[in-house]
C-alpha cells in the first residue's frame, strides 16, 4: 500500500465516526422536540434532551479506534521509510 493510503482510510473512519455520532445527536433532539410538541397539550416534558454519550454507540467507538489505529499505522509506515 502507498503510505498515504493508511491516512486516507483513517480519515474516512474518523469522519464516519463523527457522522454517526452527529446523526445520533440530531435524532435525539428531533425525538425530544416531537415529544415536547406532543406534550404541549397539557402534559409535561423534559426541559433538556437526553444526549447520547460517546460510548453508547458501539460503531462510533469502533470507527474511532479503527481510524486512530490506521493513522498510527500510517505514521509508523512513514517513519520506517524515513530510516
PDB file of N, CA and C in Angstrom:
ATOM      1  N   UNK A   1       0.832  -1.185   0.000  1.00  0.00           N
ATOM      2  CA  UNK A   1       0.000   0.000   0.000  1.00  0.00           C
ATOM      3  C   UNK A   1       0.879   1.251   0.000  1.00  0.00           C
ATOM      4  N   UNK A   2       0.351   2.277  -0.595  1.00  0.00           N
ATOM      5  CA  UNK A   2       1.073   3.541  -0.537  1.00  0.00           C
ATOM      6  C   UNK A   2       0.995   4.098   0.876  1.00  0.00           C
ATOM      7  N   UNK A   3       1.949   4.942   1.213  1.00  0.00           N
ATOM      8  CA  UNK A   3       1.983   5.455   2.584  1.00  0.00           C
ATOM      9  C   UNK A   3       0.803   6.372   2.896  1.00  0.00           C
ATOM     10  N   UNK A   4       0.204   6.983   1.886  1.00  0.00           N
ATOM     11  CA  UNK A   4      -0.940   7.851   2.149  1.00  0.00           C
ATOM     12  C   UNK A   4      -2.250   7.076   2.285  1.00  0.00           C
ATOM     13  N   UNK A   5      -2.260   5.808   1.893  1.00  0.00           N
ATOM     14  CA  UNK A   5      -3.479   5.014   1.958  1.00  0.00           C
ATOM     15  C   UNK A   5      -3.952   4.842   3.396  1.00  0.00           C
ATOM     16  N   UNK A   6      -3.027   4.607   4.318  1.00  0.00           N
ATOM     17  CA  UNK A   6      -3.397   4.443   5.725  1.00  0.00           C
ATOM     18  C   UNK A   6      -4.012   5.728   6.283  1.00  0.00           C
ATOM     19  N   UNK A   7      -3.466   6.861   5.899  1.00  0.00           N
ATOM     20  CA  UNK A   7      -4.011   8.135   6.367  1.00  0.00           C
ATOM     21  C   UNK A   7      -5.409   8.396   5.790  1.00  0.00           C
ATOM     22  N   UNK A   8      -5.622   8.026   4.535  1.00  0.00           N
ATOM     23  CA  UNK A   8      -6.930   8.216   3.905  1.00  0.00           C
ATOM     24  C   UNK A   8      -7.969   7.307   4.562  1.00  0.00           C
ATOM     25  N   UNK A   9      -7.611   6.042   4.783  1.00  0.00           N
ATOM     26  CA  UNK A   9      -8.547   5.115   5.433  1.00  0.00           C
ATOM     27  C   UNK A   9      -8.827   5.572   6.862  1.00  0.00           C
ATOM     28  N   UNK A  10      -7.811   6.002   7.583  1.00  0.00           N
ATOM     29  CA  UNK A  10      -8.003   6.504   8.936  1.00  0.00           C
ATOM     30  C   UNK A  10      -8.897   7.726   8.968  1.00  0.00           C
ATOM     31  N   UNK A  11      -8.713   8.630   8.012  1.00  0.00           N
ATOM     32  CA  UNK A  11      -9.546   9.822   7.930  1.00  0.00           C
ATOM     33  C   UNK A  11     -11.003   9.456   7.646  1.00  0.00           C
ATOM     34  N   UNK A  12     -11.219   8.507   6.754  1.00  0.00           N
ATOM     35  CA  UNK A  12     -12.589   8.090   6.448  1.00  0.00           C
ATOM     36  C   UNK A  12     -13.267   7.477   7.671  1.00  0.00           C
ATOM     37  N   UNK A  13     -12.550   6.647   8.411  1.00  0.00           N
ATOM     38  CA  UNK A  13     -13.138   6.057   9.615  1.00  0.00           C
ATOM     39  C   UNK A  13     -13.459   7.133  10.652  1.00  0.00           C
ATOM     40  N   UNK A  14     -12.588   8.112  10.812  1.00  0.00           N
ATOM     41  CA  UNK A  14     -12.852   9.192  11.766  1.00  0.00           C
ATOM     42  C   UNK A  14     -14.034  10.046  11.326  1.00  0.00           C
ATOM     43  N   UNK A  15     -14.143  10.312  10.040  1.00  0.00           N
ATOM     44  CA  UNK A  15     -15.264  11.099   9.523  1.00  0.00           C
ATOM     45  C   UNK A  15     -16.575  10.355   9.735  1.00  0.00           C
ATOM     46  N   UNK A  16     -16.592   9.061   9.434  1.00  0.00           N
ATOM     47  CA  UNK A  16     -17.830   8.296   9.615  1.00  0.00           C
ATOM     48  C   UNK A  16     -18.187   8.142  11.085  1.00  0.00           C
ATOM     49  N   UNK A  17     -17.196   8.059  11.935  1.00  0.00           N
ATOM     50  CA  UNK A  17     -17.465   8.013  13.369  1.00  0.00           C
ATOM     51  C   UNK A  17     -18.141   9.304  13.824  1.00  0.00           C
ATOM     52  N   UNK A  18     -17.611  10.429  13.398  1.00  0.00           N
ATOM     53  CA  UNK A  18     -18.215  11.713  13.737  1.00  0.00           C
ATOM     54  C   UNK A  18     -19.581  11.886  13.107  1.00  0.00           C
ATOM     55  N   UNK A  19     -19.758  11.385  11.905  1.00  0.00           N
ATOM     56  CA  UNK A  19     -21.044  11.495  11.223  1.00  0.00           C
ATOM     57  C   UNK A  19     -22.118  10.674  11.945  1.00  0.00           C
ATOM     58  N   UNK A  20     -21.780   9.464  12.344  1.00  0.00           N
ATOM     59  CA  UNK A  20     -22.746   8.638  13.072  1.00  0.00           C
ATOM     60  C   UNK A  20     -23.105   9.292  14.399  1.00  0.00           C
ATOM     61  N   UNK A  21     -22.116   9.825  15.094  1.00  0.00           N
ATOM     62  CA  UNK A  21     -22.371  10.480  16.385  1.00  0.00           C
ATOM     63  C   UNK A  21     -23.255  11.716  16.211  1.00  0.00           C
ATOM     64  N   UNK A  22     -22.996  12.491  15.159  1.00  0.00           N
ATOM     65  CA  UNK A  22     -23.797  13.689  14.896  1.00  0.00           C
ATOM     66  C   UNK A  22     -25.232  13.330  14.541  1.00  0.00           C
ATOM     67  N   UNK A  23     -25.421  12.309  13.720  1.00  0.00           N
ATOM     68  CA  UNK A  23     -26.772  11.872  13.364  1.00  0.00           C
ATOM     69  C   UNK A  23     -27.508  11.375  14.600  1.00  0.00           C
ATOM     70  N   UNK A  24     -26.797  10.694  15.483  1.00  0.00           N
ATOM     71  CA  UNK A  24     -27.418  10.213  16.711  1.00  0.00           C
ATOM     72  C   UNK A  24     -27.859  11.374  17.608  1.00  0.00           C
ATOM     73  N   UNK A  25     -27.052  12.420  17.676  1.00  0.00           N
ATOM     74  CA  UNK A  25     -27.424  13.599  18.470  1.00  0.00           C
ATOM     75  C   UNK A  25     -28.603  14.344  17.839  1.00  0.00           C
ATOM     76  N   UNK A  26     -28.612  14.477  16.514  1.00  0.00           N
ATOM     77  CA  UNK A  26     -29.723  15.124  15.821  1.00  0.00           C
ATOM     78  C   UNK A  26     -31.007  14.332  16.046  1.00  0.00           C
ATOM     79  N   UNK A  27     -30.901  13.009  15.991  1.00  0.00           N
ATOM     80  CA  UNK A  27     -32.055  12.156  16.240  1.00  0.00           C
ATOM     81  C   UNK A  27     -32.592  12.365  17.655  1.00  0.00           C
ATOM     82  N   UNK A  28     -31.717  12.531  18.613  1.00  0.00           N
ATOM     83  CA  UNK A  28     -32.130  12.761  19.990  1.00  0.00           C
ATOM     84  C   UNK A  28     -32.867  14.091  20.126  1.00  0.00           C
ATOM     85  N   UNK A  29     -32.371  15.124  19.464  1.00  0.00           N
ATOM     86  CA  UNK A  29     -33.019  16.437  19.528  1.00  0.00           C
ATOM     87  C   UNK A  29     -34.379  16.412  18.834  1.00  0.00           C
ATOM     88  N   UNK A  30     -34.460  15.747  17.680  1.00  0.00           N
ATOM     89  CA  UNK A  30     -35.737  15.660  16.964  1.00  0.00           C
ATOM     90  C   UNK A  30     -36.743  14.879  17.800  1.00  0.00           C
ATOM     91  N   UNK A  31     -36.339  13.774  18.393  1.00  0.00           N
ATOM     92  CA  UNK A  31     -37.239  12.991  19.231  1.00  0.00           C
ATOM     93  C   UNK A  31     -37.715  13.818  20.423  1.00  0.00           C
ATOM     94  N   UNK A  32     -36.814  14.582  21.025  1.00  0.00           N
ATOM     95  CA  UNK A  32     -37.192  15.440  22.152  1.00  0.00           C
ATOM     96  C   UNK A  32     -38.177  16.515  21.711  1.00  0.00           C
ATOM     97  N   UNK A  33     -37.942  17.095  20.536  1.00  0.00           N
ATOM     98  CA  UNK A  33     -38.840  18.136  20.028  1.00  0.00           C
ATOM     99  C   UNK A  33     -40.230  17.582  19.759  1.00  0.00           C
ATOM    100  N   UNK A  34     -40.315  16.417  19.160  1.00  0.00           N
ATOM    101  CA  UNK A  34     -41.607  15.801  18.880  1.00  0.00           C
ATOM    102  C   UNK A  34     -42.310  15.467  20.188  1.00  0.00           C
ATOM    103  N   UNK A  35     -41.561  14.977  21.135  1.00  0.00           N
ATOM    104  CA  UNK A  35     -42.130  14.660  22.441  1.00  0.00           C
ATOM    105  C   UNK A  35     -42.633  15.928  23.133  1.00  0.00           C
ATOM    106  N   UNK A  36     -41.898  16.998  22.976  1.00  0.00           N
ATOM    107  CA  UNK A  36     -42.281  18.286  23.577  1.00  0.00           C
ATOM    108  C   UNK A  36     -43.541  18.847  22.933  1.00  0.00           C
ATOM    109  N   UNK A  37     -43.623  18.748  21.613  1.00  0.00           N
ATOM    110  CA  UNK A  37     -44.810  19.245  20.906  1.00  0.00           C
ATOM    111  C   UNK A  37     -46.039  18.423  21.284  1.00  0.00           C
ATOM    112  N   UNK A  38     -45.862  17.121  21.393  1.00  0.00           N
ATOM    113  CA  UNK A  38     -46.987  16.259  21.750  1.00  0.00           C
ATOM    114  C   UNK A  38     -47.461  16.538  23.171  1.00  0.00           C
ATOM    115  N   UNK A  39     -46.545  16.916  24.061  1.00  0.00           N
ATOM    116  CA  UNK A  39     -46.912  17.163  25.457  1.00  0.00           C
ATOM    117  C   UNK A  39     -47.405  18.588  25.676  1.00  0.00           C
ATOM    118  N   UNK A  40     -47.374  19.439  24.656  1.00  0.00           N
ATOM    119  CA  UNK A  40     -47.779  20.838  24.848  1.00  0.00           C
ATOM    120  C   UNK A  40     -49.277  20.974  25.076  1.00  0.00           C
ATOM    121  N   UNK A  41     -50.021  19.915  24.822  1.00  0.00           N
ATOM    122  CA  UNK A  41     -51.452  19.969  25.010  1.00  0.00           C
ATOM    123  C   UNK A  41     -51.875  19.841  26.465  1.00  0.00           C
ATOM    124  N   UNK A  42     -50.966  19.647  27.374  1.00  0.00           N
ATOM    125  CA  UNK A  42     -51.367  19.573  28.769  1.00  0.00           C
ATOM    126  C   UNK A  42     -50.505  18.631  29.588  1.00  0.00           C
ATOM    127  N   UNK A  43     -49.483  18.085  29.027  1.00  0.00           N
ATOM    128  CA  UNK A  43     -48.625  17.177  29.783  1.00  0.00           C
ATOM    129  C   UNK A  43     -47.312  17.834  30.141  1.00  0.00           C
ATOM    130  N   UNK A  44     -46.438  17.061  30.649  1.00  0.00           N
ATOM    131  CA  UNK A  44     -45.114  17.587  30.966  1.00  0.00           C
ATOM    132  C   UNK A  44     -44.093  16.960  30.024  1.00  0.00           C
ATOM    133  N   UNK A  45     -42.991  17.610  29.882  1.00  0.00           N
ATOM    134  CA  UNK A  45     -41.927  17.134  29.007  1.00  0.00           C
ATOM    135  C   UNK A  45     -40.597  17.481  29.650  1.00  0.00           C
ATOM    136  N   UNK A  46     -39.559  16.768  29.290  1.00  0.00           N
ATOM    137  CA  UNK A  46     -38.242  17.108  29.833  1.00  0.00           C
ATOM    138  C   UNK A  46     -37.760  18.442  29.273  1.00  0.00           C
ATOM    139  N   UNK A  47     -37.085  19.217  30.096  1.00  0.00           N
ATOM    140  CA  UNK A  47     -36.643  20.538  29.663  1.00  0.00           C
ATOM    141  C   UNK A  47     -35.429  20.481  28.746  1.00  0.00           C
ATOM    142  N   UNK A  48     -34.630  19.450  28.873  1.00  0.00           N
ATOM    143  CA  UNK A  48     -33.450  19.289  28.019  1.00  0.00           C
ATOM    144  C   UNK A  48     -33.487  17.915  27.372  1.00  0.00           C
ATOM    145  N   UNK A  49     -33.022  17.822  26.124  1.00  0.00           N
ATOM    146  CA  UNK A  49     -32.982  16.499  25.502  1.00  0.00           C
ATOM    147  C   UNK A  49     -31.890  15.637  26.142  1.00  0.00           C
ATOM    148  N   UNK A  50     -32.116  14.351  26.174  1.00  0.00           N
ATOM    149  CA  UNK A  50     -31.089  13.441  26.684  1.00  0.00           C
ATOM    150  C   UNK A  50     -30.131  13.131  25.547  1.00  0.00           C
ATOM    151  N   UNK A  51     -28.940  13.679  25.640  1.00  0.00           N
ATOM    152  CA  UNK A  51     -27.943  13.487  24.597  1.00  0.00           C
ATOM    153  C   UNK A  51     -27.177  12.187  24.823  1.00  0.00           C
ATOM    154  N   UNK A  52     -26.926  11.465  23.752  1.00  0.00           N
ATOM    155  CA  UNK A  52     -26.171  10.224  23.898  1.00  0.00           C
ATOM    156  C   UNK A  52     -24.697  10.524  24.187  1.00  0.00           C
ATOM    157  N   UNK A  53     -24.094   9.672  24.967  1.00  0.00           N
ATOM    158  CA  UNK A  53     -22.663   9.850  25.223  1.00  0.00           C
ATOM    159  C   UNK A  53     -21.867   9.206  24.092  1.00  0.00           C
ATOM    160  N   UNK A  54     -20.596   9.441  24.093  1.00  0.00           N
ATOM    161  CA  UNK A  54     -19.737   8.941  23.024  1.00  0.00           C
ATOM    162  C   UNK A  54     -19.618   7.423  23.061  1.00  0.00           C
ATOM    163  N   UNK A  55     -19.744   6.838  24.242  1.00  0.00           N
ATOM    164  CA  UNK A  55     -19.530   5.393  24.373  1.00  0.00           C
ATOM    165  C   UNK A  55     -20.807   4.571  24.239  1.00  0.00           C
ATOM    166  N   UNK A  56     -21.952   5.199  24.052  1.00  0.00           N
ATOM    167  CA  UNK A  56     -23.203   4.448  23.957  1.00  0.00           C
ATOM    168  C   UNK A  56     -23.317   3.641  22.669  1.00  0.00           C
ATOM    169  N   UNK A  57     -22.888   4.184  21.573  1.00  0.00           N
ATOM    170  CA  UNK A  57     -22.998   3.501  20.295  1.00  0.00           C
ATOM    171  C   UNK A  57     -21.701   2.751  20.009  1.00  0.00           C
ATOM    172  N   UNK A  58     -21.828   1.450  19.765  1.00  0.00           N
ATOM    173  CA  UNK A  58     -20.661   0.607  19.510  1.00  0.00           C
ATOM    174  C   UNK A  58     -19.899   1.056  18.266  1.00  0.00           C
ATOM    175  N   UNK A  59     -20.626   1.421  17.217  1.00  0.00           N
ATOM    176  CA  UNK A  59     -19.978   1.748  15.950  1.00  0.00           C
ATOM    177  C   UNK A  59     -19.180   3.056  16.025  1.00  0.00           C
ATOM    178  N   UNK A  60     -19.636   4.001  16.818  1.00  0.00           N
ATOM    179  CA  UNK A  60     -18.893   5.255  16.970  1.00  0.00           C
ATOM    180  C   UNK A  60     -17.521   4.968  17.573  1.00  0.00           C
ATOM    181  N   UNK A  61     -17.509   4.210  18.652  1.00  0.00           N
ATOM    182  CA  UNK A  61     -16.232   3.887  19.302  1.00  0.00           C
ATOM    183  C   UNK A  61     -15.369   2.987  18.425  1.00  0.00           C
ATOM    184  N   UNK A  62     -15.987   2.005  17.752  1.00  0.00           N
ATOM    185  CA  UNK A  62     -15.221   1.099  16.893  1.00  0.00           C
ATOM    186  C   UNK A  62     -14.573   1.873  15.741  1.00  0.00           C
ATOM    187  N   UNK A  63     -15.334   2.729  15.076  1.00  0.00           N
ATOM    188  CA  UNK A  63     -14.776   3.501  13.969  1.00  0.00           C
ATOM    189  C   UNK A  63     -13.714   4.481  14.451  1.00  0.00           C
ATOM    190  N   UNK A  64     -13.919   5.049  15.622  1.00  0.00           N
ATOM    191  CA  UNK A  64     -12.931   5.969  16.182  1.00  0.00           C
ATOM    192  C   UNK A  64     -11.614   5.245  16.462  1.00  0.00           C
ATOM    193  N   UNK A  65     -11.690   4.089  17.080  1.00  0.00           N
ATOM    194  CA  UNK A  65     -10.480   3.323  17.397  1.00  0.00           C
ATOM    195  C   UNK A  65      -9.800   2.827  16.129  1.00  0.00           C
ATOM    196  N   UNK A  66     -10.589   2.324  15.173  1.00  0.00           N
ATOM    197  CA  UNK A  66     -10.009   1.848  13.912  1.00  0.00           C
ATOM    198  C   UNK A  66      -9.347   3.004  13.162  1.00  0.00           C
ATOM    199  N   UNK A  67      -9.978   4.172  13.150  1.00  0.00           N
ATOM    200  CA  UNK A  67      -9.387   5.332  12.482  1.00  0.00           C
ATOM    201  C   UNK A  67      -8.072   5.744  13.114  1.00  0.00           C
ATOM    202  N   UNK A  68      -8.014   5.741  14.452  1.00  0.00           N
ATOM    203  CA  UNK A  68      -6.768   6.090  15.137  1.00  0.00           C
ATOM    204  C   UNK A  68      -5.691   5.054  14.857  1.00  0.00           C
ATOM    205  N   UNK A  69      -6.080   3.766  14.833  1.00  0.00           N
ATOM    206  CA  UNK A  69      -5.093   2.712  14.543  1.00  0.00           C
ATOM    207  C   UNK A  69      -4.546   2.832  13.120  1.00  0.00           C
ATOM    208  N   UNK A  70      -5.400   3.168  12.164  1.00  0.00           N
ATOM    209  CA  UNK A  70      -4.912   3.366  10.794  1.00  0.00           C
ATOM    210  C   UNK A  70      -3.984   4.578  10.715  1.00  0.00           C
ATOM    211  N   UNK A  71      -4.303   5.639  11.459  1.00  0.00           N
ATOM    212  CA  UNK A  71      -3.407   6.790  11.491  1.00  0.00           C
ATOM    213  C   UNK A  71      -2.050   6.397  12.062  1.00  0.00           C
ATOM    214  N   UNK A  72      -2.058   5.631  13.144  1.00  0.00           N
ATOM    215  CA  UNK A  72      -0.789   5.195  13.742  1.00  0.00           C
ATOM    216  C   UNK A  72      -0.026   4.277  12.799  1.00  0.00           C
ATOM    217  N   UNK A  73      -0.733   3.389  12.091  1.00  0.00           N
ATOM    218  CA  UNK A  73      -0.070   2.511  11.127  1.00  0.00           C
ATOM    219  C   UNK A  73       0.560   3.334  10.004  1.00  0.00           C
ATOM    220  N   UNK A  74      -0.142   4.350   9.543  1.00  0.00           N
ATOM    221  CA  UNK A  74       0.422   5.225   8.513  1.00  0.00           C
ATOM    222  C   UNK A  74       1.627   5.992   9.022  1.00  0.00           C
ATOM    223  N   UNK A  75       1.567   6.440  10.266  1.00  0.00           N
ATOM    224  CA  UNK A  75       2.698   7.159  10.853  1.00  0.00           C
ATOM    225  C   UNK A  75       3.906   6.244  11.012  1.00  0.00           C
ATOM    226  N   UNK A  76       3.678   5.023  11.475  1.00  0.00           N
ATOM    227  CA  UNK A  76       4.782   4.061  11.603  1.00  0.00           C
ATOM    228  C   UNK A  76       5.362   3.711  10.240  1.00  0.00           C
ATOM    229  N   UNK A  77       4.518   3.608   9.241  1.00  0.00           N
ATOM    230  CA  UNK A  77       4.982   3.314   7.885  1.00  0.00           C
ATOM    231  C   UNK A  77       5.864   4.444   7.355  1.00  0.00           C
ATOM    232  N   UNK A  78       5.451   5.676   7.597  1.00  0.00           N
ATOM    233  CA  UNK A  78       6.233   6.835   7.137  1.00  0.00           C
ATOM    234  C   UNK A  78       7.556   6.904   7.885  1.00  0.00           C
ATOM    235  N   UNK A  79       7.521   6.672   9.192  1.00  0.00           N
ATOM    236  CA  UNK A  79       8.756   6.714   9.976  1.00  0.00           C
ATOM    237  C   UNK A  79       9.707   5.602   9.603  1.00  0.00           C
ATOM    238  N   UNK A  80       9.171   4.434   9.246  1.00  0.00           N
ATOM    239  CA  UNK A  80      10.012   3.307   8.829  1.00  0.00           C
ATOM    240  C   UNK A  80      10.680   3.604   7.489  1.00  0.00           C
ATOM    241  N   UNK A  81       9.973   4.282   6.594  1.00  0.00           N
ATOM    242  CA  UNK A  81      10.538   4.619   5.294  1.00  0.00           C
ATOM    243  C   UNK A  81      11.576   5.728   5.397  1.00  0.00           C
ATOM    244  N   UNK A  82      11.506   6.534   6.442  1.00  0.00           N
ATOM    245  CA  UNK A  82      12.467   7.621   6.614  1.00  0.00           C
ATOM    246  C   UNK A  82      13.833   7.115   7.054  1.00  0.00           C
ATOM    247  N   UNK A  83      13.879   5.939   7.677  1.00  0.00           N
ATOM    248  CA  UNK A  83      15.160   5.404   8.157  1.00  0.00           C
ATOM    249  C   UNK A  83      16.037   4.897   7.085  1.00  0.00           C
TER     250      UNK A  83
END
